[in-house]
Amino acid sequence: MPVTSDPPCHPEACKIQNCLLSNNYQQDKCEDAIANLYKCCAQFYVKNGDDARTDGCPMPSVLRRKLKDLNIQEPTR
């Protein structure tokens, strides 16, 4: 996960856009790309703290809910 990209997790966000465009905006066909963005964002917040911000990631509270909804284990701090 490119947490070190500038901006962080930007490549994952772009992959979601490309996937949606390629699949006629059918979100269910892009679940892997979405999960990868959430995993990257979780690593970003572990590394930088909940006060950190990047355009490609939802707020930490929203991200935690999405990770839980998708049964994705949140990284340890």
N, C-alpha and C. Protein backbone atom coordinates (compact mmCIF):
# COMPACT_ATOMS: atom_id res chain seq x y z
N MET A 1 0.84 -1.18 0.00
CA MET A 1 0.00 0.00 0.00
C MET A 1 0.89 1.25 0.00
N PRO A 2 0.72 2.13 -0.96
CA PRO A 2 1.56 3.32 -1.05
C PRO A 2 1.15 4.44 -0.09
N VAL A 3 1.31 4.18 1.21
CA VAL A 3 1.06 5.22 2.20
C VAL A 3 2.06 6.35 1.98
N THR A 4 3.20 6.01 1.36
CA THR A 4 4.24 7.00 1.14
C THR A 4 4.05 7.78 -0.16
N SER A 5 3.03 7.45 -0.95
CA SER A 5 2.80 8.21 -2.18
C SER A 5 2.38 9.63 -1.82
N ASP A 6 2.44 10.52 -2.79
CA ASP A 6 2.07 11.92 -2.53
C ASP A 6 0.97 12.32 -3.49
N PRO A 7 -0.24 12.52 -3.01
CA PRO A 7 -0.71 12.35 -1.64
C PRO A 7 -0.89 10.87 -1.27
N PRO A 8 -0.87 10.59 0.03
CA PRO A 8 -0.99 9.20 0.49
C PRO A 8 -2.28 8.53 -0.03
N CYS A 9 -2.13 7.30 -0.45
CA CYS A 9 -3.23 6.44 -0.92
C CYS A 9 -3.88 6.92 -2.22
N HIS A 10 -3.27 7.88 -2.86
CA HIS A 10 -3.81 8.40 -4.12
C HIS A 10 -3.88 7.32 -5.21
N PRO A 11 -2.87 6.47 -5.35
CA PRO A 11 -2.97 5.42 -6.38
C PRO A 11 -4.19 4.51 -6.18
N GLU A 12 -4.50 4.19 -4.93
CA GLU A 12 -5.67 3.34 -4.64
C GLU A 12 -6.96 4.04 -5.02
N ALA A 13 -7.05 5.33 -4.73
CA ALA A 13 -8.25 6.10 -5.08
C ALA A 13 -8.42 6.14 -6.60
N CYS A 14 -7.32 6.30 -7.32
CA CYS A 14 -7.39 6.32 -8.79
C CYS A 14 -7.82 4.97 -9.35
N LYS A 15 -7.38 3.89 -8.71
CA LYS A 15 -7.79 2.56 -9.18
C LYS A 15 -9.29 2.36 -9.04
N ILE A 16 -9.89 2.94 -8.01
CA ILE A 16 -11.34 2.86 -7.85
C ILE A 16 -12.02 3.60 -9.00
N GLN A 17 -11.56 4.80 -9.30
CA GLN A 17 -12.14 5.57 -10.40
C GLN A 17 -12.03 4.81 -11.72
N ASN A 18 -10.87 4.26 -11.98
CA ASN A 18 -10.67 3.51 -13.23
C ASN A 18 -11.58 2.28 -13.28
N CYS A 19 -11.70 1.60 -12.16
CA CYS A 19 -12.55 0.41 -12.10
C CYS A 19 -14.01 0.78 -12.35
N LEU A 20 -14.46 1.84 -11.70
CA LEU A 20 -15.85 2.25 -11.89
C LEU A 20 -16.12 2.64 -13.34
N LEU A 21 -15.20 3.37 -13.94
CA LEU A 21 -15.35 3.75 -15.35
C LEU A 21 -15.39 2.53 -16.25
N SER A 22 -14.53 1.57 -15.97
CA SER A 22 -14.44 0.36 -16.80
C SER A 22 -15.64 -0.57 -16.63
N ASN A 23 -16.33 -0.44 -15.51
CA ASN A 23 -17.43 -1.36 -15.20
C ASN A 23 -18.78 -0.66 -15.12
N ASN A 24 -18.92 0.43 -15.88
CA ASN A 24 -20.20 1.13 -15.96
C ASN A 24 -20.75 1.50 -14.58
N TYR A 25 -19.86 1.93 -13.71
CA TYR A 25 -20.18 2.39 -12.36
C TYR A 25 -20.90 1.35 -11.50
N GLN A 26 -20.58 0.09 -11.72
CA GLN A 26 -21.13 -0.98 -10.88
C GLN A 26 -20.15 -1.22 -9.73
N GLN A 27 -20.48 -0.66 -8.58
CA GLN A 27 -19.58 -0.68 -7.43
C GLN A 27 -19.22 -2.10 -6.99
N ASP A 28 -20.15 -3.03 -7.12
CA ASP A 28 -19.87 -4.40 -6.68
C ASP A 28 -18.71 -5.04 -7.44
N LYS A 29 -18.42 -4.55 -8.65
CA LYS A 29 -17.30 -5.09 -9.42
C LYS A 29 -15.96 -4.46 -9.01
N CYS A 30 -16.01 -3.50 -8.11
CA CYS A 30 -14.81 -2.79 -7.70
C CYS A 30 -14.52 -2.96 -6.20
N GLU A 31 -15.10 -3.99 -5.60
CA GLU A 31 -14.95 -4.18 -4.16
C GLU A 31 -13.49 -4.36 -3.73
N ASP A 32 -12.69 -5.04 -4.54
CA ASP A 32 -11.29 -5.23 -4.18
C ASP A 32 -10.54 -3.89 -4.17
N ALA A 33 -10.80 -3.06 -5.15
CA ALA A 33 -10.15 -1.75 -5.21
C ALA A 33 -10.57 -0.88 -4.03
N ILE A 34 -11.83 -0.94 -3.66
CA ILE A 34 -12.33 -0.17 -2.52
C ILE A 34 -11.69 -0.68 -1.23
N ALA A 35 -11.64 -1.98 -1.06
CA ALA A 35 -11.02 -2.56 0.14
C ALA A 35 -9.54 -2.17 0.23
N ASN A 36 -8.85 -2.15 -0.91
CA ASN A 36 -7.44 -1.76 -0.90
C ASN A 36 -7.26 -0.31 -0.49
N LEU A 37 -8.16 0.56 -0.90
CA LEU A 37 -8.09 1.96 -0.46
C LEU A 37 -8.28 2.03 1.05
N TYR A 38 -9.27 1.34 1.56
CA TYR A 38 -9.53 1.38 3.00
C TYR A 38 -8.34 0.83 3.80
N LYS A 39 -7.72 -0.22 3.30
CA LYS A 39 -6.54 -0.77 3.98
C LYS A 39 -5.40 0.24 3.98
N CYS A 40 -5.19 0.90 2.85
CA CYS A 40 -4.15 1.92 2.76
C CYS A 40 -4.44 3.06 3.73
N CYS A 41 -5.67 3.50 3.77
CA CYS A 41 -6.05 4.59 4.66
C CYS A 41 -5.87 4.20 6.13
N ALA A 42 -6.20 2.96 6.45
CA ALA A 42 -6.01 2.50 7.83
C ALA A 42 -4.52 2.56 8.20
N GLN A 43 -3.66 2.14 7.29
CA GLN A 43 -2.22 2.21 7.54
C GLN A 43 -1.77 3.67 7.65
N PHE A 44 -2.34 4.55 6.84
CA PHE A 44 -2.02 5.97 6.90
C PHE A 44 -2.32 6.53 8.28
N TYR A 45 -3.49 6.21 8.82
CA TYR A 45 -3.87 6.74 10.13
C TYR A 45 -3.04 6.11 11.26
N VAL A 46 -2.67 4.84 11.12
CA VAL A 46 -1.80 4.22 12.12
C VAL A 46 -0.46 4.95 12.13
N LYS A 47 0.05 5.24 10.96
CA LYS A 47 1.36 5.88 10.84
C LYS A 47 1.34 7.34 11.27
N ASN A 48 0.25 8.07 10.95
CA ASN A 48 0.23 9.52 11.12
C ASN A 48 -0.73 10.03 12.19
N GLY A 49 -1.55 9.15 12.75
CA GLY A 49 -2.50 9.57 13.78
C GLY A 49 -3.84 9.99 13.18
N ASP A 50 -4.87 9.98 14.02
CA ASP A 50 -6.22 10.29 13.57
C ASP A 50 -6.42 11.75 13.17
N ASP A 51 -5.52 12.63 13.56
CA ASP A 51 -5.64 14.04 13.19
C ASP A 51 -5.08 14.32 11.80
N ALA A 52 -4.39 13.35 11.22
CA ALA A 52 -3.81 13.52 9.88
C ALA A 52 -4.93 13.53 8.84
N ARG A 53 -4.68 14.18 7.72
CA ARG A 53 -5.68 14.25 6.65
C ARG A 53 -5.02 14.02 5.31
N THR A 54 -5.74 13.35 4.43
CA THR A 54 -5.35 13.21 3.04
C THR A 54 -6.63 13.12 2.22
N ASP A 55 -6.62 13.69 1.04
CA ASP A 55 -7.84 13.78 0.24
C ASP A 55 -8.45 12.43 -0.13
N GLY A 56 -7.64 11.41 -0.28
CA GLY A 56 -8.14 10.12 -0.74
C GLY A 56 -8.78 9.26 0.33
N CYS A 57 -8.69 9.67 1.59
CA CYS A 57 -9.19 8.82 2.69
C CYS A 57 -10.35 9.45 3.43
N PRO A 58 -11.31 8.63 3.82
CA PRO A 58 -12.39 9.14 4.66
C PRO A 58 -11.88 9.46 6.06
N MET A 59 -12.66 10.20 6.82
CA MET A 59 -12.30 10.49 8.21
C MET A 59 -12.13 9.17 8.96
N PRO A 60 -11.28 9.16 9.99
CA PRO A 60 -11.01 7.91 10.71
C PRO A 60 -12.27 7.19 11.22
N SER A 61 -13.23 7.93 11.74
CA SER A 61 -14.45 7.29 12.26
C SER A 61 -15.23 6.60 11.15
N VAL A 62 -15.31 7.23 10.00
CA VAL A 62 -16.00 6.64 8.84
C VAL A 62 -15.23 5.42 8.35
N LEU A 63 -13.91 5.56 8.28
CA LEU A 63 -13.08 4.45 7.84
C LEU A 63 -13.25 3.23 8.74
N ARG A 64 -13.25 3.43 10.04
CA ARG A 64 -13.42 2.30 10.97
C ARG A 64 -14.75 1.59 10.74
N ARG A 65 -15.80 2.36 10.49
CA ARG A 65 -17.11 1.76 10.22
C ARG A 65 -17.07 0.95 8.92
N LYS A 66 -16.43 1.50 7.89
CA LYS A 66 -16.33 0.80 6.61
C LYS A 66 -15.52 -0.49 6.75
N LEU A 67 -14.41 -0.42 7.49
CA LEU A 67 -13.59 -1.63 7.71
C LEU A 67 -14.41 -2.70 8.43
N LYS A 68 -15.17 -2.27 9.43
CA LYS A 68 -16.01 -3.22 10.17
C LYS A 68 -17.08 -3.82 9.26
N ASP A 69 -17.72 -2.97 8.45
CA ASP A 69 -18.76 -3.45 7.54
C ASP A 69 -18.23 -4.49 6.55
N LEU A 70 -16.96 -4.32 6.14
CA LEU A 70 -16.35 -5.22 5.17
C LEU A 70 -15.57 -6.36 5.83
N ASN A 71 -15.63 -6.44 7.15
CA ASN A 71 -14.90 -7.47 7.91
C ASN A 71 -13.39 -7.44 7.62
N ILE A 72 -12.86 -6.24 7.55
CA ILE A 72 -11.43 -6.05 7.34
C ILE A 72 -10.81 -5.69 8.69
N GLN A 73 -9.81 -6.43 9.07
CA GLN A 73 -9.13 -6.19 10.35
C GLN A 73 -8.38 -4.87 10.31
N GLU A 74 -8.64 -4.03 11.31
CA GLU A 74 -7.94 -2.75 11.40
C GLU A 74 -6.52 -3.00 11.88
N PRO A 75 -5.51 -2.35 11.27
CA PRO A 75 -4.13 -2.55 11.72
C PRO A 75 -3.95 -2.08 13.16
N THR A 76 -3.03 -2.70 13.85
CA THR A 76 -2.77 -2.30 15.24
C THR A 76 -1.89 -1.07 15.26
N ARG A 77 -2.09 -0.30 16.29
CA ARG A 77 -1.33 0.95 16.45
C ARG A 77 -0.08 0.71 17.23
